[in-house]
Amino acid sequence: MSFDTNVRSCLTSVVEAALKAIAEPRRRRILTLVRDDELSAGEIAAQFDVTRPAISQHLTVLKEAGLVSERRNGTRRLYRARPQGLEELREFLEGFWDERLDALRREAERKEATKRGRNH
């Protein structure tokens, strides 16, 4: 396997983990909560009508996907969104947008060339 293939495979698995992590609505909400503030697991759990162990499982999935970081402060675990993990996902999704814009540009240029050909 080439270096490029290994990098692409690794990136794909990172993106897949991130997509699976944010597929669950509670995890998306957790990401929103920790986007700007570092919060403890208890502070996060207080925002939901599910058990703390359920929130801990969601936090573990987000952490394993590289979307949140965990920091210990005494006995507390503090969580914050990881911009780097979100950046990889954003780049992946933007690739689709870029392809669509390129296709739209090519089609507009083709139509313009056809229109100019008829006017001469």
PDB file of N, CA and C in Angstrom:
ATOM      1  N   MET A   1       0.847  -1.176   0.000  1.00  0.00           N
ATOM      2  CA  MET A   1       0.000   0.000   0.000  1.00  0.00           C
ATOM      3  C   MET A   1       0.893   1.240   0.000  1.00  0.00           C
ATOM      4  N   SER A   2       0.594   2.204  -0.846  1.00  0.00           N
ATOM      5  CA  SER A   2       1.406   3.418  -0.938  1.00  0.00           C
ATOM      6  C   SER A   2       1.108   4.355   0.225  1.00  0.00           C
ATOM      7  N   PHE A   3       2.026   5.305   0.424  1.00  0.00           N
ATOM      8  CA  PHE A   3       1.846   6.307   1.476  1.00  0.00           C
ATOM      9  C   PHE A   3       0.549   7.071   1.266  1.00  0.00           C
ATOM     10  N   ASP A   4       0.294   7.483   0.004  1.00  0.00           N
ATOM     11  CA  ASP A   4      -0.912   8.248  -0.316  1.00  0.00           C
ATOM     12  C   ASP A   4      -2.167   7.440   0.007  1.00  0.00           C
ATOM     13  N   THR A   5      -2.148   6.152  -0.321  1.00  0.00           N
ATOM     14  CA  THR A   5      -3.298   5.289  -0.032  1.00  0.00           C
ATOM     15  C   THR A   5      -3.495   5.157   1.463  1.00  0.00           C
ATOM     16  N   ASN A   6      -2.397   5.018   2.218  1.00  0.00           N
ATOM     17  CA  ASN A   6      -2.499   4.936   3.678  1.00  0.00           C
ATOM     18  C   ASN A   6      -3.077   6.213   4.266  1.00  0.00           C
ATOM     19  N   VAL A   7      -2.624   7.353   3.785  1.00  0.00           N
ATOM     20  CA  VAL A   7      -3.133   8.641   4.275  1.00  0.00           C
ATOM     21  C   VAL A   7      -4.615   8.760   3.962  1.00  0.00           C
ATOM     22  N   ARG A   8      -4.993   8.429   2.718  1.00  0.00           N
ATOM     23  CA  ARG A   8      -6.398   8.516   2.315  1.00  0.00           C
ATOM     24  C   ARG A   8      -7.265   7.573   3.152  1.00  0.00           C
ATOM     25  N   SER A   9      -6.764   6.365   3.410  1.00  0.00           N
ATOM     26  CA  SER A   9      -7.504   5.394   4.208  1.00  0.00           C
ATOM     27  C   SER A   9      -7.677   5.888   5.637  1.00  0.00           C
ATOM     28  N   CYS A  10      -6.618   6.464   6.195  1.00  0.00           N
ATOM     29  CA  CYS A  10      -6.680   7.004   7.551  1.00  0.00           C
ATOM     30  C   CYS A  10      -7.663   8.167   7.613  1.00  0.00           C
ATOM     31  N   LEU A  11      -7.589   9.061   6.636  1.00  0.00           N
ATOM     32  CA  LEU A  11      -8.500  10.204   6.596  1.00  0.00           C
ATOM     33  C   LEU A  11      -9.940   9.724   6.469  1.00  0.00           C
ATOM     34  N   THR A  12     -10.154   8.718   5.631  1.00  0.00           N
ATOM     35  CA  THR A  12     -11.503   8.183   5.454  1.00  0.00           C
ATOM     36  C   THR A  12     -12.030   7.619   6.761  1.00  0.00           C
ATOM     37  N   SER A  13     -11.196   6.884   7.511  1.00  0.00           N
ATOM     38  CA  SER A  13     -11.669   6.314   8.770  1.00  0.00           C
ATOM     39  C   SER A  13     -11.941   7.412   9.798  1.00  0.00           C
ATOM     40  N   VAL A  14     -11.157   8.492   9.776  1.00  0.00           N
ATOM     41  CA  VAL A  14     -11.388   9.622  10.679  1.00  0.00           C
ATOM     42  C   VAL A  14     -12.728  10.279  10.340  1.00  0.00           C
ATOM     43  N   VAL A  15     -12.959  10.500   9.060  1.00  0.00           N
ATOM     44  CA  VAL A  15     -14.206  11.122   8.621  1.00  0.00           C
ATOM     45  C   VAL A  15     -15.389  10.209   8.931  1.00  0.00           C
ATOM     46  N   GLU A  16     -15.243   8.913   8.685  1.00  0.00           N
ATOM     47  CA  GLU A  16     -16.329   7.971   8.981  1.00  0.00           C
ATOM     48  C   GLU A  16     -16.670   7.980  10.468  1.00  0.00           C
ATOM     49  N   ALA A  17     -15.648   7.994  11.317  1.00  0.00           N
ATOM     50  CA  ALA A  17     -15.889   8.034  12.764  1.00  0.00           C
ATOM     51  C   ALA A  17     -16.613   9.319  13.149  1.00  0.00           C
ATOM     52  N   ALA A  18     -16.205  10.431  12.549  1.00  0.00           N
ATOM     53  CA  ALA A  18     -16.848  11.714  12.852  1.00  0.00           C
ATOM     54  C   ALA A  18     -18.300  11.721  12.384  1.00  0.00           C
ATOM     55  N   LEU A  19     -18.541  11.197  11.184  1.00  0.00           N
ATOM     56  CA  LEU A  19     -19.918  11.161  10.671  1.00  0.00           C
ATOM     57  C   LEU A  19     -20.806  10.274  11.541  1.00  0.00           C
ATOM     58  N   LYS A  20     -20.291   9.134  11.953  1.00  0.00           N
ATOM     59  CA  LYS A  20     -21.063   8.244  12.835  1.00  0.00           C
ATOM     60  C   LYS A  20     -21.326   8.922  14.175  1.00  0.00           C
ATOM     61  N   ALA A  21     -20.325   9.648  14.664  1.00  0.00           N
ATOM     62  CA  ALA A  21     -20.481  10.315  15.961  1.00  0.00           C
ATOM     63  C   ALA A  21     -21.561  11.388  15.913  1.00  0.00           C
ATOM     64  N   ILE A  22     -21.582  12.170  14.856  1.00  0.00           N
ATOM     65  CA  ILE A  22     -22.557  13.270  14.813  1.00  0.00           C
ATOM     66  C   ILE A  22     -23.910  12.839  14.247  1.00  0.00           C
ATOM     67  N   ALA A  23     -24.032  11.574  13.881  1.00  0.00           N
ATOM     68  CA  ALA A  23     -25.325  11.082  13.380  1.00  0.00           C
ATOM     69  C   ALA A  23     -26.376  11.079  14.495  1.00  0.00           C
ATOM     70  N   GLU A  24     -25.948  10.990  15.732  1.00  0.00           N
ATOM     71  CA  GLU A  24     -26.861  10.930  16.869  1.00  0.00           C
ATOM     72  C   GLU A  24     -27.152  12.351  17.357  1.00  0.00           C
ATOM     73  N   PRO A  25     -28.426  12.726  17.441  1.00  0.00           N
ATOM     74  CA  PRO A  25     -28.800  14.099  17.820  1.00  0.00           C
ATOM     75  C   PRO A  25     -28.229  14.567  19.161  1.00  0.00           C
ATOM     76  N   ARG A  26     -28.168  13.701  20.163  1.00  0.00           N
ATOM     77  CA  ARG A  26     -27.629  14.135  21.457  1.00  0.00           C
ATOM     78  C   ARG A  26     -26.151  14.488  21.347  1.00  0.00           C
ATOM     79  N   ARG A  27     -25.424  13.740  20.529  1.00  0.00           N
ATOM     80  CA  ARG A  27     -24.003  14.044  20.373  1.00  0.00           C
ATOM     81  C   ARG A  27     -23.806  15.376  19.649  1.00  0.00           C
ATOM     82  N   ARG A  28     -24.671  15.671  18.688  1.00  0.00           N
ATOM     83  CA  ARG A  28     -24.589  16.983  18.033  1.00  0.00           C
ATOM     84  C   ARG A  28     -24.861  18.089  19.043  1.00  0.00           C
ATOM     85  N   ARG A  29     -25.810  17.855  19.908  1.00  0.00           N
ATOM     86  CA  ARG A  29     -26.134  18.850  20.940  1.00  0.00           C
ATOM     87  C   ARG A  29     -24.968  19.016  21.916  1.00  0.00           C
ATOM     88  N   ILE A  30     -24.329  17.911  22.289  1.00  0.00           N
ATOM     89  CA  ILE A  30     -23.161  17.984  23.169  1.00  0.00           C
ATOM     90  C   ILE A  30     -22.070  18.818  22.503  1.00  0.00           C
ATOM     91  N   LEU A  31     -21.836  18.567  21.213  1.00  0.00           N
ATOM     92  CA  LEU A  31     -20.822  19.347  20.488  1.00  0.00           C
ATOM     93  C   LEU A  31     -21.140  20.837  20.533  1.00  0.00           C
ATOM     94  N   THR A  32     -22.405  21.166  20.382  1.00  0.00           N
ATOM     95  CA  THR A  32     -22.817  22.567  20.444  1.00  0.00           C
ATOM     96  C   THR A  32     -22.541  23.148  21.835  1.00  0.00           C
ATOM     97  N   LEU A  33     -22.809  22.365  22.864  1.00  0.00           N
ATOM     98  CA  LEU A  33     -22.581  22.834  24.238  1.00  0.00           C
ATOM     99  C   LEU A  33     -21.107  23.103  24.510  1.00  0.00           C
ATOM    100  N   VAL A  34     -20.226  22.271  23.965  1.00  0.00           N
ATOM    101  CA  VAL A  34     -18.796  22.405  24.274  1.00  0.00           C
ATOM    102  C   VAL A  34     -18.028  23.131  23.170  1.00  0.00           C
ATOM    103  N   ARG A  35     -18.747  23.696  22.230  1.00  0.00           N
ATOM    104  CA  ARG A  35     -18.099  24.416  21.125  1.00  0.00           C
ATOM    105  C   ARG A  35     -17.311  25.614  21.629  1.00  0.00           C
ATOM    106  N   ASP A  36     -17.885  26.387  22.536  1.00  0.00           N
ATOM    107  CA  ASP A  36     -17.241  27.611  23.007  1.00  0.00           C
ATOM    108  C   ASP A  36     -16.789  27.543  24.461  1.00  0.00           C
ATOM    109  N   ASP A  37     -17.293  26.577  25.197  1.00  0.00           N
ATOM    110  CA  ASP A  37     -16.981  26.487  26.622  1.00  0.00           C
ATOM    111  C   ASP A  37     -16.504  25.090  26.988  1.00  0.00           C
ATOM    112  N   GLU A  38     -15.587  25.027  27.923  1.00  0.00           N
ATOM    113  CA  GLU A  38     -15.163  23.746  28.479  1.00  0.00           C
ATOM    114  C   GLU A  38     -16.139  23.413  29.595  1.00  0.00           C
ATOM    115  N   LEU A  39     -16.758  22.255  29.514  1.00  0.00           N
ATOM    116  CA  LEU A  39     -17.765  21.865  30.505  1.00  0.00           C
ATOM    117  C   LEU A  39     -17.421  20.510  31.100  1.00  0.00           C
ATOM    118  N   SER A  40     -17.831  20.320  32.333  1.00  0.00           N
ATOM    119  CA  SER A  40     -17.643  19.018  32.980  1.00  0.00           C
ATOM    120  C   SER A  40     -18.725  18.061  32.479  1.00  0.00           C
ATOM    121  N   ALA A  41     -18.466  16.783  32.676  1.00  0.00           N
ATOM    122  CA  ALA A  41     -19.446  15.772  32.271  1.00  0.00           C
ATOM    123  C   ALA A  41     -20.775  16.013  32.988  1.00  0.00           C
ATOM    124  N   GLY A  42     -20.711  16.407  34.257  1.00  0.00           N
ATOM    125  CA  GLY A  42     -21.931  16.685  35.017  1.00  0.00           C
ATOM    126  C   GLY A  42     -22.709  17.867  34.461  1.00  0.00           C
ATOM    127  N   GLU A  43     -21.988  18.917  34.067  1.00  0.00           N
ATOM    128  CA  GLU A  43     -22.651  20.090  33.480  1.00  0.00           C
ATOM    129  C   GLU A  43     -23.314  19.725  32.156  1.00  0.00           C
ATOM    130  N   ILE A  44     -22.663  18.879  31.404  1.00  0.00           N
ATOM    131  CA  ILE A  44     -23.240  18.430  30.127  1.00  0.00           C
ATOM    132  C   ILE A  44     -24.461  17.563  30.395  1.00  0.00           C
ATOM    133  N   ALA A  45     -24.326  16.608  31.311  1.00  0.00           N
ATOM    134  CA  ALA A  45     -25.431  15.692  31.620  1.00  0.00           C
ATOM    135  C   ALA A  45     -26.656  16.434  32.135  1.00  0.00           C
ATOM    136  N   ALA A  46     -26.447  17.544  32.839  1.00  0.00           N
ATOM    137  CA  ALA A  46     -27.572  18.319  33.392  1.00  0.00           C
ATOM    138  C   ALA A  46     -28.459  18.898  32.291  1.00  0.00           C
ATOM    139  N   GLN A  47     -27.968  18.955  31.072  1.00  0.00           N
ATOM    140  CA  GLN A  47     -28.728  19.512  29.955  1.00  0.00           C
ATOM    141  C   GLN A  47     -29.623  18.476  29.269  1.00  0.00           C
ATOM    142  N   PHE A  48     -29.583  17.222  29.744  1.00  0.00           N
ATOM    143  CA  PHE A  48     -30.297  16.131  29.081  1.00  0.00           C
ATOM    144  C   PHE A  48     -31.176  15.374  30.055  1.00  0.00           C
ATOM    145  N   ASP A  49     -32.193  14.723  29.504  1.00  0.00           N
ATOM    146  CA  ASP A  49     -33.084  13.889  30.303  1.00  0.00           C
ATOM    147  C   ASP A  49     -32.708  12.421  30.182  1.00  0.00           C
ATOM    148  N   VAL A  50     -31.410  12.139  30.183  1.00  0.00           N
ATOM    149  CA  VAL A  50     -30.922  10.760  30.155  1.00  0.00           C
ATOM    150  C   VAL A  50     -29.913  10.609  31.295  1.00  0.00           C
ATOM    151  N   THR A  51     -29.513   9.379  31.547  1.00  0.00           N
ATOM    152  CA  THR A  51     -28.604   9.124  32.660  1.00  0.00           C
ATOM    153  C   THR A  51     -27.204   9.656  32.376  1.00  0.00           C
ATOM    154  N   ARG A  52     -26.470   9.907  33.447  1.00  0.00           N
ATOM    155  CA  ARG A  52     -25.076  10.344  33.287  1.00  0.00           C
ATOM    156  C   ARG A  52     -24.236   9.300  32.560  1.00  0.00           C
ATOM    157  N   PRO A  53     -24.423   7.995  32.862  1.00  0.00           N
ATOM    158  CA  PRO A  53     -23.650   7.005  32.108  1.00  0.00           C
ATOM    159  C   PRO A  53     -23.936   7.071  30.597  1.00  0.00           C
ATOM    160  N   ALA A  54     -25.169   7.393  30.224  1.00  0.00           N
ATOM    161  CA  ALA A  54     -25.499   7.513  28.797  1.00  0.00           C
ATOM    162  C   ALA A  54     -24.727   8.693  28.193  1.00  0.00           C
ATOM    163  N   ILE A  55     -24.659   9.800  28.907  1.00  0.00           N
ATOM    164  CA  ILE A  55     -23.906  10.964  28.424  1.00  0.00           C
ATOM    165  C   ILE A  55     -22.416  10.632  28.359  1.00  0.00           C
ATOM    166  N   SER A  56     -21.926   9.890  29.339  1.00  0.00           N
ATOM    167  CA  SER A  56     -20.515   9.472  29.322  1.00  0.00           C
ATOM    168  C   SER A  56     -20.217   8.632  28.086  1.00  0.00           C
ATOM    169  N   GLN A  57     -21.139   7.767  27.704  1.00  0.00           N
ATOM    170  CA  GLN A  57     -20.951   6.966  26.491  1.00  0.00           C
ATOM    171  C   GLN A  57     -20.908   7.863  25.256  1.00  0.00           C
ATOM    172  N   HIS A  58     -21.792   8.845  25.198  1.00  0.00           N
ATOM    173  CA  HIS A  58     -21.788   9.782  24.072  1.00  0.00           C
ATOM    174  C   HIS A  58     -20.464  10.557  24.021  1.00  0.00           C
ATOM    175  N   LEU A  59     -19.980  10.984  25.182  1.00  0.00           N
ATOM    176  CA  LEU A  59     -18.721  11.713  25.244  1.00  0.00           C
ATOM    177  C   LEU A  59     -17.554  10.831  24.784  1.00  0.00           C
ATOM    178  N   THR A  60     -17.601   9.556  25.131  1.00  0.00           N
ATOM    179  CA  THR A  60     -16.552   8.623  24.701  1.00  0.00           C
ATOM    180  C   THR A  60     -16.550   8.485  23.183  1.00  0.00           C
ATOM    181  N   VAL A  61     -17.722   8.374  22.581  1.00  0.00           N
ATOM    182  CA  VAL A  61     -17.815   8.268  21.120  1.00  0.00           C
ATOM    183  C   VAL A  61     -17.250   9.526  20.469  1.00  0.00           C
ATOM    184  N   LEU A  62     -17.627  10.687  20.984  1.00  0.00           N
ATOM    185  CA  LEU A  62     -17.125  11.959  20.442  1.00  0.00           C
ATOM    186  C   LEU A  62     -15.615  12.078  20.614  1.00  0.00           C
ATOM    187  N   LYS A  63     -15.116  11.632  21.757  1.00  0.00           N
ATOM    188  CA  LYS A  63     -13.678  11.691  22.019  1.00  0.00           C
ATOM    189  C   LYS A  63     -12.924  10.742  21.083  1.00  0.00           C
ATOM    190  N   GLU A  64     -13.427   9.524  20.918  1.00  0.00           N
ATOM    191  CA  GLU A  64     -12.773   8.553  20.044  1.00  0.00           C
ATOM    192  C   GLU A  64     -12.794   9.001  18.581  1.00  0.00           C
ATOM    193  N   ALA A  65     -13.801   9.777  18.214  1.00  0.00           N
ATOM    194  CA  ALA A  65     -13.884  10.300  16.843  1.00  0.00           C
ATOM    195  C   ALA A  65     -13.002  11.541  16.673  1.00  0.00           C
ATOM    196  N   GLY A  66     -12.385  11.997  17.756  1.00  0.00           N
ATOM    197  CA  GLY A  66     -11.512  13.164  17.676  1.00  0.00           C
ATOM    198  C   GLY A  66     -12.248  14.488  17.651  1.00  0.00           C
ATOM    199  N   LEU A  67     -13.523  14.478  18.037  1.00  0.00           N
ATOM    200  CA  LEU A  67     -14.329  15.694  17.971  1.00  0.00           C
ATOM    201  C   LEU A  67     -14.320  16.495  19.271  1.00  0.00           C
ATOM    202  N   VAL A  68     -14.007  15.836  20.385  1.00  0.00           N
ATOM    203  CA  VAL A  68     -13.872  16.550  21.655  1.00  0.00           C
ATOM    204  C   VAL A  68     -12.594  16.113  22.340  1.00  0.00           C
ATOM    205  N   SER A  69     -12.071  17.004  23.163  1.00  0.00           N
ATOM    206  CA  SER A  69     -10.913  16.661  23.992  1.00  0.00           C
ATOM    207  C   SER A  69     -11.392  16.565  25.433  1.00  0.00           C
ATOM    208  N   GLU A  70     -10.663  15.774  26.188  1.00  0.00           N
ATOM    209  CA  GLU A  70     -10.980  15.590  27.605  1.00  0.00           C
ATOM    210  C   GLU A  70      -9.763  16.012  28.419  1.00  0.00           C
ATOM    211  N   ARG A  71     -10.025  16.795  29.465  1.00  0.00           N
ATOM    212  CA  ARG A  71      -8.956  17.238  30.364  1.00  0.00           C
ATOM    213  C   ARG A  71      -9.401  16.963  31.787  1.00  0.00           C
ATOM    214  N   ARG A  72      -8.493  16.406  32.562  1.00  0.00           N
ATOM    215  CA  ARG A  72      -8.817  16.153  33.971  1.00  0.00           C
ATOM    216  C   ARG A  72      -8.402  17.342  34.817  1.00  0.00           C
ATOM    217  N   ASN A  73      -9.295  17.694  35.722  1.00  0.00           N
ATOM    218  CA  ASN A  73      -9.027  18.758  36.691  1.00  0.00           C
ATOM    219  C   ASN A  73      -9.448  18.209  38.046  1.00  0.00           C
ATOM    220  N   GLY A  74      -8.499  17.604  38.763  1.00  0.00           N
ATOM    221  CA  GLY A  74      -8.842  16.913  40.001  1.00  0.00           C
ATOM    222  C   GLY A  74      -9.655  15.678  39.667  1.00  0.00           C
ATOM    223  N   THR A  75     -10.845  15.594  40.224  1.00  0.00           N
ATOM    224  CA  THR A  75     -11.707  14.449  39.940  1.00  0.00           C
ATOM    225  C   THR A  75     -12.666  14.716  38.781  1.00  0.00           C
ATOM    226  N   ARG A  76     -12.673  15.939  38.307  1.00  0.00           N
ATOM    227  CA  ARG A  76     -13.586  16.303  37.213  1.00  0.00           C
ATOM    228  C   ARG A  76     -12.940  16.051  35.857  1.00  0.00           C
ATOM    229  N   ARG A  77     -13.766  15.695  34.902  1.00  0.00           N
ATOM    230  CA  ARG A  77     -13.331  15.586  33.518  1.00  0.00           C
ATOM    231  C   ARG A  77     -14.007  16.710  32.746  1.00  0.00           C
ATOM    232  N   LEU A  78     -13.184  17.496  32.085  1.00  0.00           N
ATOM    233  CA  LEU A  78     -13.698  18.651  31.345  1.00  0.00           C
ATOM    234  C   LEU A  78     -13.592  18.377  29.853  1.00  0.00           C
ATOM    235  N   TYR A  79     -14.628  18.776  29.130  1.00  0.00           N
ATOM    236  CA  TYR A  79     -14.707  18.493  27.696  1.00  0.00           C
ATOM    237  C   TYR A  79     -14.824  19.785  26.901  1.00  0.00           C
ATOM    238  N   ARG A  80     -14.192  19.775  25.740  1.00  0.00           N
ATOM    239  CA  ARG A  80     -14.236  20.913  24.826  1.00  0.00           C
ATOM    240  C   ARG A  80     -14.179  20.366  23.398  1.00  0.00           C
ATOM    241  N   ALA A  81     -14.860  21.041  22.481  1.00  0.00           N
ATOM    242  CA  ALA A  81     -14.814  20.637  21.062  1.00  0.00           C
ATOM    243  C   ALA A  81     -13.384  20.790  20.551  1.00  0.00           C
ATOM    244  N   ARG A  82     -12.975  19.868  19.700  1.00  0.00           N
ATOM    245  CA  ARG A  82     -11.646  19.911  19.067  1.00  0.00           C
ATOM    246  C   ARG A  82     -11.804  20.450  17.653  1.00  0.00           C
ATOM    247  N   PRO A  83     -11.405  21.683  17.401  1.00  0.00           N
ATOM    248  CA  PRO A  83     -11.534  22.252  16.055  1.00  0.00           C
ATOM    249  C   PRO A  83     -10.832  21.411  14.988  1.00  0.00           C
ATOM    250  N   GLN A  84      -9.713  20.746  15.342  1.00  0.00           N
ATOM    251  CA  GLN A  84      -8.979  19.947  14.362  1.00  0.00           C
ATOM    252  C   GLN A  84      -9.832  18.786  13.840  1.00  0.00           C
ATOM    253  N   GLY A  85     -10.549  18.124  14.730  1.00  0.00           N
ATOM    254  CA  GLY A  85     -11.407  17.016  14.320  1.00  0.00           C
ATOM    255  C   GLY A  85     -12.547  17.497  13.439  1.00  0.00           C
ATOM    256  N   LEU A  86     -13.090  18.637  13.767  1.00  0.00           N
ATOM    257  CA  LEU A  86     -14.165  19.203  12.964  1.00  0.00           C
ATOM    258  C   LEU A  86     -13.638  19.694  11.617  1.00  0.00           C
ATOM    259  N   GLU A  87     -12.382  20.140  11.573  1.00  0.00           N
ATOM    260  CA  GLU A  87     -11.769  20.633  10.337  1.00  0.00           C
ATOM    261  C   GLU A  87     -11.679  19.514   9.293  1.00  0.00           C
ATOM    262  N   GLU A  88     -11.275  18.318   9.728  1.00  0.00           N
ATOM    263  CA  GLU A  88     -11.171  17.189   8.797  1.00  0.00           C
ATOM    264  C   GLU A  88     -12.538  16.866   8.196  1.00  0.00           C
ATOM    265  N   LEU A  89     -13.564  16.911   9.020  1.00  0.00           N
ATOM    266  CA  LEU A  89     -14.918  16.647   8.543  1.00  0.00           C
ATOM    267  C   LEU A  89     -15.370  17.752   7.596  1.00  0.00           C
ATOM    268  N   ARG A  90     -15.079  18.996   7.938  1.00  0.00           N
ATOM    269  CA  ARG A  90     -15.454  20.126   7.087  1.00  0.00           C
ATOM    270  C   ARG A  90     -14.786  20.014   5.718  1.00  0.00           C
ATOM    271  N   GLU A  91     -13.501  19.678   5.705  1.00  0.00           N
ATOM    272  CA  GLU A  91     -12.782  19.533   4.439  1.00  0.00           C
ATOM    273  C   GLU A  91     -13.404  18.435   3.574  1.00  0.00           C
ATOM    274  N   PHE A  92     -13.784  17.342   4.205  1.00  0.00           N
ATOM    275  CA  PHE A  92     -14.423  16.247   3.479  1.00  0.00           C
ATOM    276  C   PHE A  92     -15.726  16.713   2.845  1.00  0.00           C
ATOM    277  N   LEU A  93     -16.559  17.394   3.623  1.00  0.00           N
ATOM    278  CA  LEU A  93     -17.853  17.848   3.119  1.00  0.00           C
ATOM    279  C   LEU A  93     -17.700  18.938   2.066  1.00  0.00           C
ATOM    280  N   GLU A  94     -16.714  19.809   2.238  1.00  0.00           N
ATOM    281  CA  GLU A  94     -16.482  20.857   1.247  1.00  0.00           C
ATOM    282  C   GLU A  94     -16.082  20.282  -0.103  1.00  0.00           C
ATOM    283  N   GLY A  95     -15.451  19.112  -0.090  1.00  0.00           N
ATOM    284  CA  GLY A  95     -15.076  18.464  -1.346  1.00  0.00           C
ATOM    285  C   GLY A  95     -16.293  18.219  -2.229  1.00  0.00           C
ATOM    286  N   PHE A  96     -17.402  17.855  -1.624  1.00  0.00           N
ATOM    287  CA  PHE A  96     -18.628  17.648  -2.391  1.00  0.00           C
ATOM    288  C   PHE A  96     -19.136  18.970  -2.953  1.00  0.00           C
ATOM    289  N   TRP A  97     -19.080  20.000  -2.126  1.00  0.00           N
ATOM    290  CA  TRP A  97     -19.545  21.316  -2.542  1.00  0.00           C
ATOM    291  C   TRP A  97     -18.692  21.834  -3.686  1.00  0.00           C
ATOM    292  N   ASP A  98     -17.365  21.714  -3.565  1.00  0.00           N
ATOM    293  CA  ASP A  98     -16.451  22.173  -4.615  1.00  0.00           C
ATOM    294  C   ASP A  98     -16.724  21.466  -5.939  1.00  0.00           C
ATOM    295  N   GLU A  99     -16.956  20.145  -5.878  1.00  0.00           N
ATOM    296  CA  GLU A  99     -17.242  19.381  -7.094  1.00  0.00           C
ATOM    297  C   GLU A  99     -18.531  19.879  -7.753  1.00  0.00           C
ATOM    298  N   ARG A 100     -19.538  20.139  -6.956  1.00  0.00           N
ATOM    299  CA  ARG A 100     -20.816  20.617  -7.501  1.00  0.00           C
ATOM    300  C   ARG A 100     -20.650  22.008  -8.118  1.00  0.00           C
ATOM    301  N   LEU A 101     -19.902  22.886  -7.457  1.00  0.00           N
ATOM    302  CA  LEU A 101     -19.680  24.221  -8.004  1.00  0.00           C
ATOM    303  C   LEU A 101     -18.898  24.148  -9.313  1.00  0.00           C
ATOM    304  N   ASP A 102     -17.904  23.264  -9.376  1.00  0.00           N
ATOM    305  CA  ASP A 102     -17.141  23.102 -10.620  1.00  0.00           C
ATOM    306  C   ASP A 102     -18.052  22.613 -11.745  1.00  0.00           C
ATOM    307  N   ALA A 103     -18.915  21.661 -11.444  1.00  0.00           N
ATOM    308  CA  ALA A 103     -19.835  21.140 -12.459  1.00  0.00           C
ATOM    309  C   ALA A 103     -20.793  22.240 -12.922  1.00  0.00           C
ATOM    310  N   LEU A 104     -21.283  23.045 -11.995  1.00  0.00           N
ATOM    311  CA  LEU A 104     -22.183  24.147 -12.329  1.00  0.00           C
ATOM    312  C   LEU A 104     -21.467  25.183 -13.204  1.00  0.00           C
ATOM    313  N   ARG A 105     -20.216  25.501 -12.858  1.00  0.00           N
ATOM    314  CA  ARG A 105     -19.428  26.451 -13.649  1.00  0.00           C
ATOM    315  C   ARG A 105     -19.210  25.924 -15.064  1.00  0.00           C
ATOM    316  N   ARG A 106     -18.841  24.640 -15.182  1.00  0.00           N
ATOM    317  CA  ARG A 106     -18.618  24.051 -16.513  1.00  0.00           C
ATOM    318  C   ARG A 106     -19.894  24.093 -17.358  1.00  0.00           C
ATOM    319  N   GLU A 107     -21.023  23.801 -16.733  1.00  0.00           N
ATOM    320  CA  GLU A 107     -22.296  23.821 -17.450  1.00  0.00           C
ATOM    321  C   GLU A 107     -22.643  25.241 -17.892  1.00  0.00           C
ATOM    322  N   ALA A 108     -22.426  26.223 -17.027  1.00  0.00           N
ATOM    323  CA  ALA A 108     -22.699  27.620 -17.388  1.00  0.00           C
ATOM    324  C   ALA A 108     -21.786  28.066 -18.530  1.00  0.00           C
ATOM    325  N   GLU A 109     -20.519  27.672 -18.467  1.00  0.00           N
ATOM    326  CA  GLU A 109     -19.592  28.029 -19.543  1.00  0.00           C
ATOM    327  C   GLU A 109     -19.987  27.360 -20.855  1.00  0.00           C
ATOM    328  N   ARG A 110     -20.438  26.111 -20.783  1.00  0.00           N
ATOM    329  CA  ARG A 110     -20.882  25.395 -21.991  1.00  0.00           C
ATOM    330  C   ARG A 110     -22.090  26.089 -22.613  1.00  0.00           C
ATOM    331  N   LYS A 111     -23.041  26.461 -21.769  1.00  0.00           N
ATOM    332  CA  LYS A 111     -24.236  27.142 -22.277  1.00  0.00           C
ATOM    333  C   LYS A 111     -23.888  28.501 -22.865  1.00  0.00           C
ATOM    334  N   GLU A 112     -22.977  29.218 -22.212  1.00  0.00           N
ATOM    335  CA  GLU A 112     -22.557  30.529 -22.723  1.00  0.00           C
ATOM    336  C   GLU A 112     -21.860  30.376 -24.063  1.00  0.00           C
ATOM    337  N   ALA A 113     -21.006  29.373 -24.207  1.00  0.00           N
ATOM    338  CA  ALA A 113     -20.297  29.140 -25.483  1.00  0.00           C
ATOM    339  C   ALA A 113     -21.305  28.773 -26.572  1.00  0.00           C
ATOM    340  N   THR A 114     -22.289  27.970 -26.244  1.00  0.00           N
ATOM    341  CA  THR A 114     -23.318  27.583 -27.219  1.00  0.00           C
ATOM    342  C   THR A 114     -24.115  28.818 -27.632  1.00  0.00           C
ATOM    343  N   LYS A 115     -24.461  29.664 -26.673  1.00  0.00           N
ATOM    344  CA  LYS A 115     -25.232  30.871 -26.934  1.00  0.00           C
ATOM    345  C   LYS A 115     -24.421  31.828 -27.843  1.00  0.00           C
ATOM    346  N   ARG A 116     -23.128  31.975 -27.535  1.00  0.00           N
ATOM    347  CA  ARG A 116     -22.270  32.834 -28.367  1.00  0.00           C
ATOM    348  C   ARG A 116     -22.145  32.277 -29.780  1.00  0.00           C
ATOM    349  N   GLY A 117     -22.105  30.984 -29.915  1.00  0.00           N
ATOM    350  CA  GLY A 117     -21.984  30.342 -31.233  1.00  0.00           C
ATOM    351  C   GLY A 117     -23.210  30.618 -32.089  1.00  0.00           C
ATOM    352  N   ARG A 118     -24.381  30.719 -31.479  1.00  0.00           N
ATOM    353  CA  ARG A 118     -25.612  30.985 -32.222  1.00  0.00           C
ATOM    354  C   ARG A 118     -25.724  32.451 -32.622  1.00  0.00           C
ATOM    355  N   ASN A 119     -25.108  33.342 -31.859  1.00  0.00           N
ATOM    356  CA  ASN A 119     -25.199  34.781 -32.124  1.00  0.00           C
ATOM    357  C   ASN A 119     -24.223  35.235 -33.193  1.00  0.00           C
ATOM    358  N   HIS A 120     -23.325  34.393 -33.638  1.00  0.00           N
ATOM    359  CA  HIS A 120     -22.346  34.810 -34.661  1.00  0.00           C
ATOM    360  C   HIS A 120     -22.741  34.315 -36.008  1.00  0.00           C
TER     361      HIS A 120
END
